[in-house]
Amino acid sequence: MSKHVFLTGPPGVPIDGFYTEEVREGGRRTGFDVVTLSGKRGPLSRVSSDSSTSRRECRVGQYVVDVVSFEQLVLPLLRNVNLSSDAEKKICVIDEIGKMELFSQSFIQAVRQTLTGSGTVILGTIPIPKGKPLDLVEEIRSRKDVKVFNVNKENRNGVLQDILAAVESCRK
């Protein structure tokens, strides 16, 4: 039974994107950062200490979303992915398309553009439906050219192979 996996081969699966990471201080979660695959990092949200919210503040629960920081990191990345004219399709990782990220209208536009473009395969995450439906998430979920995998603790190890195969077949 293998304990580690290494890959080898010629360089060149063109990949870019971002993921969100929990920020913890003293054992409790204080917010989330956006981290690009090239290693840039910036705040997505932080716990707000005061409960009096200004009208323009974007909030999800106790978190205040830093839309400007999010857009500065993510929008150039999505625009570049869409400009790519390589023969080989690029993979764009988007983790995630959720409530916090959807405060950015420019992000919504960029994701729609990437979905309709032909040079990029999105490997993304969307929240499971609960509460009020999120327009872009439902739009993605119902697209004919999107395959959604439901990943949970029980199947997450077994489903990886299927996900990799799906990404590979999208790149053809």
C-alpha atoms as a PDB file:
ATOM      1  CA  MET A   1       0.000   0.000   0.000  1.00  0.00           C
ATOM      2  CA  SER A   2       1.449   3.384  -1.045  1.00  0.00           C
ATOM      3  CA  LYS A   3       1.984   6.061   1.533  1.00  0.00           C
ATOM      4  CA  HIS A   4       2.977   8.820  -0.871  1.00  0.00           C
ATOM      5  CA  VAL A   5       2.355   9.752  -4.470  1.00  0.00           C
ATOM      6  CA  PHE A   6       4.794  11.494  -6.782  1.00  0.00           C
ATOM      7  CA  LEU A   7       4.210  12.457 -10.405  1.00  0.00           C
ATOM      8  CA  THR A   8       6.718  12.694 -13.189  1.00  0.00           C
ATOM      9  CA  GLY A   9       6.524  13.674 -16.832  1.00  0.00           C
ATOM     10  CA  PRO A  10       7.218  16.580 -19.131  1.00  0.00           C
ATOM     11  CA  PRO A  11       6.375  19.978 -17.624  1.00  0.00           C
ATOM     12  CA  GLY A  12       3.263  21.633 -18.632  1.00  0.00           C
ATOM     13  CA  VAL A  13      -0.236  21.273 -17.285  1.00  0.00           C
ATOM     14  CA  PRO A  14      -0.984  24.980 -17.338  1.00  0.00           C
ATOM     15  CA  ILE A  15      -2.817  25.659 -14.080  1.00  0.00           C
ATOM     16  CA  ASP A  16      -3.750  28.762 -12.126  1.00  0.00           C
ATOM     17  CA  GLY A  17      -6.382  29.714  -9.605  1.00  0.00           C
ATOM     18  CA  PHE A  18      -7.042  30.291  -5.937  1.00  0.00           C
ATOM     19  CA  TYR A  19      -8.364  28.697  -2.794  1.00  0.00           C
ATOM     20  CA  THR A  20      -9.655  30.054   0.490  1.00  0.00           C
ATOM     21  CA  GLU A  21      -7.938  29.211   3.732  1.00  0.00           C
ATOM     22  CA  GLU A  22      -9.079  29.536   7.327  1.00  0.00           C
ATOM     23  CA  VAL A  23      -7.239  32.107   9.436  1.00  0.00           C
ATOM     24  CA  ARG A  24      -6.945  31.142  13.106  1.00  0.00           C
ATOM     25  CA  GLU A  25      -5.698  33.063  16.123  1.00  0.00           C
ATOM     26  CA  GLY A  26      -5.414  31.497  19.525  1.00  0.00           C
ATOM     27  CA  GLY A  27      -7.327  28.428  18.404  1.00  0.00           C
ATOM     28  CA  ARG A  28     -10.359  30.231  17.015  1.00  0.00           C
ATOM     29  CA  ARG A  29     -11.250  31.114  13.447  1.00  0.00           C
ATOM     30  CA  THR A  30     -10.943  34.822  12.816  1.00  0.00           C
ATOM     31  CA  GLY A  31     -11.519  34.848   9.079  1.00  0.00           C
ATOM     32  CA  PHE A  32     -10.477  33.579   5.675  1.00  0.00           C
ATOM     33  CA  ASP A  33      -7.647  34.410   3.277  1.00  0.00           C
ATOM     34  CA  VAL A  34      -7.544  34.038  -0.481  1.00  0.00           C
ATOM     35  CA  VAL A  35      -4.390  32.219  -1.608  1.00  0.00           C
ATOM     36  CA  THR A  36      -3.461  32.071  -5.290  1.00  0.00           C
ATOM     37  CA  LEU A  37      -1.682  29.020  -6.704  1.00  0.00           C
ATOM     38  CA  SER A  38       1.294  31.297  -7.391  1.00  0.00           C
ATOM     39  CA  GLY A  39       1.505  32.031  -3.657  1.00  0.00           C
ATOM     40  CA  LYS A  40      -0.020  35.497  -3.314  1.00  0.00           C
ATOM     41  CA  ARG A  41      -2.266  35.904  -0.279  1.00  0.00           C
ATOM     42  CA  GLY A  42      -4.750  38.485   0.973  1.00  0.00           C
ATOM     43  CA  PRO A  43      -7.723  38.779   3.299  1.00  0.00           C
ATOM     44  CA  LEU A  44     -11.142  37.578   2.121  1.00  0.00           C
ATOM     45  CA  SER A  45     -12.927  38.184   5.430  1.00  0.00           C
ATOM     46  CA  ARG A  46     -12.383  38.832   9.103  1.00  0.00           C
ATOM     47  CA  VAL A  47     -14.555  38.603  12.188  1.00  0.00           C
ATOM     48  CA  SER A  48     -16.130  41.979  12.874  1.00  0.00           C
ATOM     49  CA  SER A  49     -15.940  43.078  16.472  1.00  0.00           C
ATOM     50  CA  ASP A  50     -18.696  45.671  16.286  1.00  0.00           C
ATOM     51  CA  SER A  51     -22.267  44.738  15.503  1.00  0.00           C
ATOM     52  CA  SER A  52     -23.243  48.143  14.099  1.00  0.00           C
ATOM     53  CA  THR A  53     -22.875  47.594  10.374  1.00  0.00           C
ATOM     54  CA  SER A  54     -22.467  50.364   7.880  1.00  0.00           C
ATOM     55  CA  ARG A  55     -24.715  50.096   4.845  1.00  0.00           C
ATOM     56  CA  ARG A  56     -21.884  49.337   2.441  1.00  0.00           C
ATOM     57  CA  GLU A  57     -20.377  46.538   4.497  1.00  0.00           C
ATOM     58  CA  CYS A  58     -20.587  43.062   2.996  1.00  0.00           C
ATOM     59  CA  ARG A  59     -21.201  40.502   5.718  1.00  0.00           C
ATOM     60  CA  VAL A  60     -21.667  36.753   5.986  1.00  0.00           C
ATOM     61  CA  GLY A  61     -22.585  35.882   9.558  1.00  0.00           C
ATOM     62  CA  GLN A  62     -19.905  37.335  11.837  1.00  0.00           C
ATOM     63  CA  TYR A  63     -17.488  37.959   8.951  1.00  0.00           C
ATOM     64  CA  VAL A  64     -16.939  41.192   7.072  1.00  0.00           C
ATOM     65  CA  VAL A  65     -15.864  40.525   3.478  1.00  0.00           C
ATOM     66  CA  ASP A  66     -12.961  42.528   2.031  1.00  0.00           C
ATOM     67  CA  VAL A  67     -14.224  42.714  -1.555  1.00  0.00           C
ATOM     68  CA  VAL A  68     -11.407  45.020  -2.700  1.00  0.00           C
ATOM     69  CA  SER A  69      -8.661  42.680  -1.465  1.00  0.00           C
ATOM     70  CA  PHE A  70     -10.444  39.667  -2.991  1.00  0.00           C
ATOM     71  CA  GLU A  71     -10.834  41.380  -6.379  1.00  0.00           C
ATOM     72  CA  GLN A  72      -7.205  42.581  -6.452  1.00  0.00           C
ATOM     73  CA  LEU A  73      -5.977  39.004  -6.132  1.00  0.00           C
ATOM     74  CA  VAL A  74      -8.548  37.052  -8.114  1.00  0.00           C
ATOM     75  CA  LEU A  75      -9.633  39.235 -11.038  1.00  0.00           C
ATOM     76  CA  PRO A  76      -6.205  39.541 -12.751  1.00  0.00           C
ATOM     77  CA  LEU A  77      -5.836  35.789 -12.454  1.00  0.00           C
ATOM     78  CA  LEU A  78      -9.234  35.085 -14.081  1.00  0.00           C
ATOM     79  CA  ARG A  79      -8.612  37.650 -16.820  1.00  0.00           C
ATOM     80  CA  ASN A  80      -5.238  36.063 -17.640  1.00  0.00           C
ATOM     81  CA  VAL A  81      -6.728  32.591 -17.761  1.00  0.00           C
ATOM     82  CA  ASN A  82      -9.303  33.882 -20.271  1.00  0.00           C
ATOM     83  CA  LEU A  83      -6.623  35.493 -22.451  1.00  0.00           C
ATOM     84  CA  SER A  84      -4.689  32.268 -22.840  1.00  0.00           C
ATOM     85  CA  SER A  85      -4.725  31.152 -26.470  1.00  0.00           C
ATOM     86  CA  ASP A  86      -2.638  28.005 -26.073  1.00  0.00           C
ATOM     87  CA  ALA A  87      -3.669  24.906 -27.968  1.00  0.00           C
ATOM     88  CA  GLU A  88      -3.758  23.166 -24.611  1.00  0.00           C
ATOM     89  CA  LYS A  89      -6.619  24.037 -22.283  1.00  0.00           C
ATOM     90  CA  LYS A  90      -5.667  25.672 -19.014  1.00  0.00           C
ATOM     91  CA  ILE A  91      -7.034  24.479 -15.677  1.00  0.00           C
ATOM     92  CA  CYS A  92      -8.394  27.184 -13.416  1.00  0.00           C
ATOM     93  CA  VAL A  93      -8.956  26.292  -9.754  1.00  0.00           C
ATOM     94  CA  ILE A  94     -11.730  28.295  -8.072  1.00  0.00           C
ATOM     95  CA  ASP A  95     -12.299  27.390  -4.417  1.00  0.00           C
ATOM     96  CA  GLU A  96     -14.873  28.558  -3.866  1.00  0.00           C
ATOM     97  CA  ILE A  97     -17.801  30.241  -5.523  1.00  0.00           C
ATOM     98  CA  GLY A  98     -19.668  30.998  -2.321  1.00  0.00           C
ATOM     99  CA  LYS A  99     -21.528  33.753  -0.492  1.00  0.00           C
ATOM    100  CA  MET A 100     -18.434  35.793   0.361  1.00  0.00           C
ATOM    101  CA  GLU A 101     -17.000  35.701  -3.159  1.00  0.00           C
ATOM    102  CA  LEU A 102     -20.366  36.555  -4.725  1.00  0.00           C
ATOM    103  CA  PHE A 103     -20.347  40.048  -3.188  1.00  0.00           C
ATOM    104  CA  SER A 104     -18.065  40.889  -6.142  1.00  0.00           C
ATOM    105  CA  GLN A 105     -20.019  41.601  -9.330  1.00  0.00           C
ATOM    106  CA  SER A 106     -16.739  41.634 -11.280  1.00  0.00           C
ATOM    107  CA  PHE A 107     -15.952  38.123  -9.994  1.00  0.00           C
ATOM    108  CA  ILE A 108     -19.387  36.894 -11.113  1.00  0.00           C
ATOM    109  CA  GLN A 109     -18.764  38.346 -14.595  1.00  0.00           C
ATOM    110  CA  ALA A 110     -15.271  36.859 -14.794  1.00  0.00           C
ATOM    111  CA  VAL A 111     -16.519  33.400 -13.778  1.00  0.00           C
ATOM    112  CA  ARG A 112     -19.319  33.563 -16.372  1.00  0.00           C
ATOM    113  CA  GLN A 113     -16.768  34.594 -19.000  1.00  0.00           C
ATOM    114  CA  THR A 114     -14.487  31.704 -18.071  1.00  0.00           C
ATOM    115  CA  LEU A 115     -17.414  29.264 -18.170  1.00  0.00           C
ATOM    116  CA  THR A 116     -18.374  30.338 -21.693  1.00  0.00           C
ATOM    117  CA  GLY A 117     -14.804  30.612 -23.009  1.00  0.00           C
ATOM    118  CA  SER A 118     -13.318  27.570 -24.687  1.00  0.00           C
ATOM    119  CA  GLY A 119      -9.694  27.651 -23.532  1.00  0.00           C
ATOM    120  CA  THR A 120     -10.139  26.939 -19.841  1.00  0.00           C
ATOM    121  CA  VAL A 121     -11.376  24.071 -17.691  1.00  0.00           C
ATOM    122  CA  ILE A 122     -12.663  25.209 -14.287  1.00  0.00           C
ATOM    123  CA  LEU A 123     -12.073  22.915 -11.343  1.00  0.00           C
ATOM    124  CA  GLY A 124     -14.190  24.669  -8.759  1.00  0.00           C
ATOM    125  CA  THR A 125     -16.146  24.237  -5.573  1.00  0.00           C
ATOM    126  CA  ILE A 126     -19.690  25.382  -4.872  1.00  0.00           C
ATOM    127  CA  PRO A 127     -21.624  25.178  -1.612  1.00  0.00           C
ATOM    128  CA  ILE A 128     -24.318  22.556  -1.075  1.00  0.00           C
ATOM    129  CA  PRO A 129     -27.754  24.151  -1.446  1.00  0.00           C
ATOM    130  CA  LYS A 130     -29.142  25.480   1.823  1.00  0.00           C
ATOM    131  CA  GLY A 131     -31.160  28.563   2.585  1.00  0.00           C
ATOM    132  CA  LYS A 132     -31.632  31.124  -0.166  1.00  0.00           C
ATOM    133  CA  PRO A 133     -30.275  29.859  -3.526  1.00  0.00           C
ATOM    134  CA  LEU A 134     -27.245  31.722  -4.871  1.00  0.00           C
ATOM    135  CA  ASP A 135     -27.914  32.679  -8.504  1.00  0.00           C
ATOM    136  CA  LEU A 136     -24.486  31.953  -9.987  1.00  0.00           C
ATOM    137  CA  VAL A 137     -24.152  28.701  -8.021  1.00  0.00           C
ATOM    138  CA  GLU A 138     -27.518  27.428  -9.271  1.00  0.00           C
ATOM    139  CA  GLU A 139     -26.651  28.576 -12.792  1.00  0.00           C
ATOM    140  CA  ILE A 140     -23.423  26.536 -12.636  1.00  0.00           C
ATOM    141  CA  ARG A 141     -25.166  23.530 -11.101  1.00  0.00           C
ATOM    142  CA  SER A 142     -27.720  23.425 -13.929  1.00  0.00           C
ATOM    143  CA  ARG A 143     -25.309  23.914 -16.871  1.00  0.00           C
ATOM    144  CA  LYS A 144     -25.154  21.023 -19.321  1.00  0.00           C
ATOM    145  CA  ASP A 145     -21.377  21.419 -19.670  1.00  0.00           C
ATOM    146  CA  VAL A 146     -20.713  21.090 -15.933  1.00  0.00           C
ATOM    147  CA  LYS A 147     -20.259  17.894 -13.946  1.00  0.00           C
ATOM    148  CA  VAL A 148     -20.854  18.294 -10.218  1.00  0.00           C
ATOM    149  CA  PHE A 149     -19.343  15.746  -7.833  1.00  0.00           C
ATOM    150  CA  ASN A 150     -20.849  15.526  -4.363  1.00  0.00           C
ATOM    151  CA  VAL A 151     -17.854  15.012  -2.070  1.00  0.00           C
ATOM    152  CA  ASN A 152     -18.238  13.919   1.545  1.00  0.00           C
ATOM    153  CA  LYS A 153     -16.141  12.214   4.244  1.00  0.00           C
ATOM    154  CA  GLU A 154     -17.233   8.749   3.120  1.00  0.00           C
ATOM    155  CA  ASN A 155     -16.482   9.099  -0.604  1.00  0.00           C
ATOM    156  CA  ARG A 156     -13.739  11.725  -0.750  1.00  0.00           C
ATOM    157  CA  ASN A 157     -10.875   9.262  -1.190  1.00  0.00           C
ATOM    158  CA  GLY A 158     -12.655   7.110  -3.759  1.00  0.00           C
ATOM    159  CA  VAL A 159     -14.051   9.961  -5.852  1.00  0.00           C
ATOM    160  CA  LEU A 160     -10.660  11.580  -6.508  1.00  0.00           C
ATOM    161  CA  GLN A 161      -9.931   9.249  -9.421  1.00  0.00           C
ATOM    162  CA  ASP A 162     -13.267  10.151 -11.045  1.00  0.00           C
ATOM    163  CA  ILE A 163     -12.609  13.862 -10.593  1.00  0.00           C
ATOM    164  CA  LEU A 164      -9.140  13.604 -12.152  1.00  0.00           C
ATOM    165  CA  ALA A 165     -10.551  11.602 -15.063  1.00  0.00           C
ATOM    166  CA  ALA A 166     -13.291  14.200 -15.577  1.00  0.00           C
ATOM    167  CA  VAL A 167     -10.783  17.087 -15.577  1.00  0.00           C
ATOM    168  CA  GLU A 168      -8.587  15.202 -18.030  1.00  0.00           C
ATOM    169  CA  SER A 169     -11.462  14.527 -20.408  1.00  0.00           C
ATOM    170  CA  CYS A 170     -12.505  18.202 -20.240  1.00  0.00           C
ATOM    171  CA  ARG A 171      -9.000  19.195 -21.367  1.00  0.00           C
ATOM    172  CA  LYS A 172      -9.250  17.148 -24.580  1.00  0.00           C
END
